Amino acid sequence: MVVLASKVYVQGDARERTLRSLESLVENALGELDVTYEIGVRHDDFPSVTVDGDDAVVARNLLRDEWGEITELEPGATAVGTLDAWDEDGFVIDAGEPVRIAADEIGLGPGTPGQIRERFGLVQHLPMEFVYGGDDPSRLSDAERDRLYEWTRGDGRLNVNSATRGEVRATLNRAGHAQDYVTVERLGLLEQSVVATEDTDPPGLLASVGSYLPAELLCVVP
């Protein structure tokens, strides 16, 4: 079984749509392999995929590579969780258990954790990679820091939570912004990043589509 590092935290019809989207994504990833699989959702909203068959090992590795995996934490090891909370003292990552990243271990430049979150577009529940410290301080991984800094060097982004990739793309197109973005990058199951074109102003995009999306939206401005 692989526990995917991306949460299903919405309820009602949105939850059903999210699970259908997950089923489609898993089918696309594993459809060519000789496996059977079953998708479930744990009590903490992390989805699990139980895989059997001749290609089960390959299938599990594909899922881990695509989504990251919630595993038992080991000091010094790199792990993945989702951004659960933030305060003056740092970030709290949900990795099956809460892991605190102290403010001075975030490593993303000056500012309070809240200011850093807004500057880099870190919407709640965003999957993030970290190095677990055990009795020592945990920190964001170098790869995670590099990824986030790279966001600030592009043409700008609009990050969204609580919506599937298909829902975000449909909303952008319906709002008349089909020509204003390069792609919608899937960050997690319900966390997306709209990569803006060179001539598109991310705050203006947020103002235009915000009323269409019942979600948290944060801009990344180069």
Protein backbone atom coordinates (compact mmCIF):
# COMPACT_ATOMS: atom_id res chain seq x y z
CA MET A 1 0.00 0.00 0.00
CA VAL A 2 1.16 3.52 -0.85
CA VAL A 3 -0.20 6.44 1.16
CA LEU A 4 -0.12 9.44 -1.18
CA ALA A 5 1.22 12.74 0.14
CA SER A 6 -1.78 14.79 -0.94
CA LYS A 7 -4.99 15.22 1.05
CA VAL A 8 -8.68 14.80 0.21
CA TYR A 9 -10.00 17.43 2.62
CA VAL A 10 -13.10 18.72 0.80
CA GLN A 11 -16.57 17.37 1.58
CA GLY A 12 -19.86 16.60 -0.17
CA ASP A 13 -20.03 16.70 -3.95
CA ALA A 14 -16.55 18.19 -4.13
CA ARG A 15 -15.16 15.14 -2.35
CA GLU A 16 -16.82 12.80 -4.83
CA ARG A 17 -15.42 14.79 -7.76
CA THR A 18 -11.98 14.74 -6.18
CA LEU A 19 -12.04 10.98 -5.71
CA ARG A 20 -13.16 10.49 -9.31
CA SER A 21 -10.27 12.68 -10.42
CA LEU A 22 -7.86 10.63 -8.31
CA GLU A 23 -9.20 7.39 -9.78
CA SER A 24 -8.63 8.77 -13.29
CA LEU A 25 -5.08 9.88 -12.46
CA VAL A 26 -4.20 6.52 -10.92
CA GLU A 27 -5.71 4.69 -13.89
CA ASN A 28 -3.66 6.81 -16.29
CA ALA A 29 -0.49 6.07 -14.32
CA LEU A 30 -1.04 2.33 -13.87
CA GLY A 31 -3.27 1.38 -16.77
CA GLU A 32 -0.46 -0.20 -18.82
CA LEU A 33 0.73 -2.37 -15.92
CA ASP A 34 -0.38 -5.85 -14.88
CA VAL A 35 -1.94 -4.81 -11.56
CA THR A 36 -5.19 -4.43 -9.73
CA TYR A 37 -5.60 -1.63 -7.23
CA GLU A 38 -8.01 -0.21 -4.68
CA ILE A 39 -8.19 3.42 -3.58
CA GLY A 40 -9.16 4.38 -0.05
CA VAL A 41 -8.95 7.45 2.19
CA ARG A 42 -7.49 7.28 5.69
CA HIS A 43 -9.02 8.91 8.74
CA ASP A 44 -6.58 11.80 8.32
CA ASP A 45 -7.68 12.41 4.69
CA PHE A 46 -4.54 11.02 3.06
CA PRO A 47 -5.55 8.66 0.20
CA SER A 48 -4.10 5.17 0.00
CA VAL A 49 -3.65 2.91 -3.02
CA THR A 50 -3.39 -0.83 -2.40
CA VAL A 51 -1.75 -2.55 -5.39
CA ASP A 52 -1.50 -6.25 -6.30
CA GLY A 53 -0.24 -8.09 -9.37
CA ASP A 54 2.92 -8.93 -11.29
CA ASP A 55 3.86 -5.26 -11.76
CA ALA A 56 2.97 -4.18 -8.21
CA VAL A 57 6.49 -3.06 -7.31
CA VAL A 58 6.76 -0.93 -10.45
CA ALA A 59 3.29 0.49 -9.81
CA ARG A 60 4.09 1.47 -6.24
CA ASN A 61 7.29 3.16 -7.34
CA LEU A 62 5.39 5.11 -10.01
CA LEU A 63 2.90 6.33 -7.42
CA ARG A 64 5.68 7.33 -5.02
CA ASP A 65 7.51 9.24 -7.76
CA GLU A 66 4.33 11.02 -8.87
CA TRP A 67 2.77 11.90 -5.52
CA GLY A 68 5.29 11.37 -2.76
CA GLU A 69 4.49 9.00 0.07
CA ILE A 70 3.53 9.38 3.72
CA THR A 71 5.86 7.04 5.59
CA GLU A 72 7.24 6.50 9.07
CA LEU A 73 9.54 9.41 9.84
CA GLU A 74 13.23 8.72 10.39
CA PRO A 75 15.71 11.32 11.68
CA GLY A 76 17.87 12.72 8.90
CA ALA A 77 15.63 11.35 6.13
CA THR A 78 13.82 13.39 3.50
CA ALA A 79 10.03 13.13 3.73
CA VAL A 80 6.91 14.73 2.27
CA GLY A 81 3.89 16.21 4.01
CA THR A 82 1.33 18.96 3.49
CA LEU A 83 1.37 22.51 4.83
CA ASP A 84 -1.11 22.36 7.69
CA ALA A 85 -0.60 25.60 9.66
CA TRP A 86 1.72 28.54 10.25
CA ASP A 87 2.35 31.04 13.03
CA GLU A 88 5.07 33.37 14.22
CA ASP A 89 7.22 30.39 15.18
CA GLY A 90 7.19 28.62 11.81
CA PHE A 91 5.28 26.11 9.67
CA VAL A 92 3.53 22.92 10.71
CA ILE A 93 3.72 20.11 8.13
CA ASP A 94 1.27 17.21 8.31
CA ALA A 95 3.26 14.08 7.44
CA GLY A 96 0.93 11.62 9.14
CA GLU A 97 1.96 13.41 12.32
CA PRO A 98 2.65 17.12 12.83
CA VAL A 99 6.20 18.26 12.09
CA ARG A 100 7.21 21.80 13.00
CA ILE A 101 9.60 23.70 10.74
CA ALA A 102 10.94 26.52 12.91
CA ALA A 103 11.07 29.98 11.36
CA ASP A 104 14.87 29.93 11.11
CA GLU A 105 14.78 26.51 9.38
CA ILE A 106 12.47 27.58 6.54
CA GLY A 107 15.38 29.02 4.57
CA LEU A 108 13.38 31.20 2.17
CA GLY A 109 14.74 34.62 3.02
CA PRO A 110 13.61 37.39 5.34
CA GLY A 111 10.17 37.89 6.81
CA THR A 112 7.81 36.18 9.20
CA PRO A 113 6.50 32.69 8.31
CA GLY A 114 3.21 34.30 7.29
CA GLN A 115 4.96 36.78 5.01
CA ILE A 116 7.09 34.02 3.47
CA ARG A 117 3.98 31.92 2.87
CA GLU A 118 2.30 34.74 0.98
CA ARG A 119 5.43 35.72 -0.97
CA PHE A 120 5.93 32.18 -2.28
CA GLY A 121 2.23 31.38 -2.77
CA LEU A 122 2.16 28.57 -0.20
CA VAL A 123 -1.53 27.73 -0.06
CA GLN A 124 -2.70 25.51 2.79
CA HIS A 125 -2.34 21.75 2.18
CA LEU A 126 0.43 22.27 -0.39
CA PRO A 127 2.65 19.14 -0.51
CA MET A 128 6.16 20.07 0.66
CA GLU A 129 9.41 18.18 1.07
CA PHE A 130 11.40 18.45 4.29
CA VAL A 131 14.23 16.82 6.21
CA TYR A 132 12.97 15.31 9.46
CA GLY A 133 15.18 16.16 12.40
CA GLY A 134 13.81 13.87 15.10
CA ASP A 135 15.21 15.38 18.30
CA ASP A 136 16.98 18.01 16.18
CA PRO A 137 15.19 20.78 14.23
CA SER A 138 13.44 19.75 11.02
CA ARG A 139 13.90 21.93 7.93
CA LEU A 140 12.67 22.37 4.40
CA SER A 141 14.78 20.30 2.02
CA ASP A 142 17.21 21.96 -0.37
CA ALA A 143 15.16 20.68 -3.30
CA GLU A 144 12.00 22.26 -1.87
CA ARG A 145 13.73 25.59 -1.35
CA ASP A 146 15.09 25.47 -4.92
CA ARG A 147 11.63 24.72 -6.30
CA LEU A 148 10.06 27.67 -4.50
CA TYR A 149 12.81 30.09 -5.45
CA GLU A 150 12.39 28.98 -9.07
CA TRP A 151 8.74 30.03 -8.89
CA THR A 152 9.84 33.61 -8.18
CA ARG A 153 12.12 33.68 -11.24
CA GLY A 154 9.41 32.87 -13.78
CA ASP A 155 6.62 34.95 -15.29
CA GLY A 156 4.37 34.69 -12.24
CA ARG A 157 1.91 32.19 -10.83
CA LEU A 158 -1.46 31.95 -9.20
CA ASN A 159 -1.59 29.08 -6.69
CA VAL A 160 -4.93 27.56 -5.75
CA ASN A 161 -6.18 24.97 -3.28
CA SER A 162 -9.50 23.09 -2.88
CA ALA A 163 -9.87 22.48 -6.65
CA THR A 164 -8.78 19.83 -9.11
CA ARG A 165 -6.65 20.71 -12.12
CA GLY A 166 -9.62 20.25 -14.43
CA GLU A 167 -11.78 22.57 -12.33
CA VAL A 168 -9.12 25.30 -12.36
CA ARG A 169 -8.62 25.05 -16.12
CA ALA A 170 -12.37 25.15 -16.74
CA THR A 171 -12.73 28.22 -14.50
CA LEU A 172 -9.92 30.09 -16.26
CA ASN A 173 -11.41 29.37 -19.65
CA ARG A 174 -14.93 30.29 -18.53
CA ALA A 175 -13.65 33.60 -17.13
CA GLY A 176 -12.07 34.48 -20.48
CA HIS A 177 -8.44 33.81 -19.56
CA ALA A 178 -7.64 30.97 -21.96
CA GLN A 179 -4.80 33.01 -23.48
CA ASP A 180 -3.42 34.29 -20.16
CA TYR A 181 -1.75 31.16 -18.84
CA VAL A 182 0.80 28.67 -20.10
CA THR A 183 -0.37 25.66 -18.11
CA VAL A 184 -1.96 24.59 -14.86
CA GLU A 185 0.69 22.65 -12.96
CA ARG A 186 -0.62 20.03 -10.54
CA LEU A 187 1.08 20.47 -7.17
CA GLY A 188 -1.18 18.04 -5.33
CA LEU A 189 -4.58 16.48 -5.84
CA LEU A 190 -6.37 19.71 -4.83
CA GLU A 191 -3.48 22.17 -5.10
CA GLN A 192 -2.69 23.73 -8.48
CA SER A 193 -0.37 26.39 -9.87
CA VAL A 194 -1.49 28.52 -12.79
CA VAL A 195 1.65 29.50 -14.71
CA ALA A 196 0.94 32.92 -16.20
CA THR A 197 2.11 34.16 -19.58
CA GLU A 198 4.76 36.88 -19.73
CA ASP A 199 2.16 39.62 -20.27
CA THR A 200 -0.26 38.45 -17.56
CA ASP A 201 -0.39 40.13 -14.16
CA PRO A 202 -0.98 37.42 -11.49
CA PRO A 203 -2.77 39.79 -9.04
CA GLY A 204 -5.07 40.87 -11.85
CA LEU A 205 -5.75 37.23 -12.68
CA LEU A 206 -6.58 36.55 -9.04
CA ALA A 207 -9.00 39.49 -8.92
CA SER A 208 -10.72 38.27 -12.08
CA VAL A 209 -11.19 34.58 -11.20
CA GLY A 210 -11.36 34.75 -7.40
CA SER A 211 -15.14 34.98 -7.30
CA TYR A 212 -15.42 31.80 -9.41
CA LEU A 213 -13.26 29.63 -7.15
CA PRO A 214 -14.24 28.88 -3.53
CA ALA A 215 -10.58 28.39 -2.69
CA GLU A 216 -7.49 30.03 -1.28
CA LEU A 217 -5.58 31.85 -4.00
CA LEU A 218 -2.08 33.31 -3.60
CA CYS A 219 0.08 35.02 -6.20
CA VAL A 220 3.76 34.48 -6.89
CA VAL A 221 5.06 37.70 -8.42
CA PRO A 222 8.57 37.69 -9.95
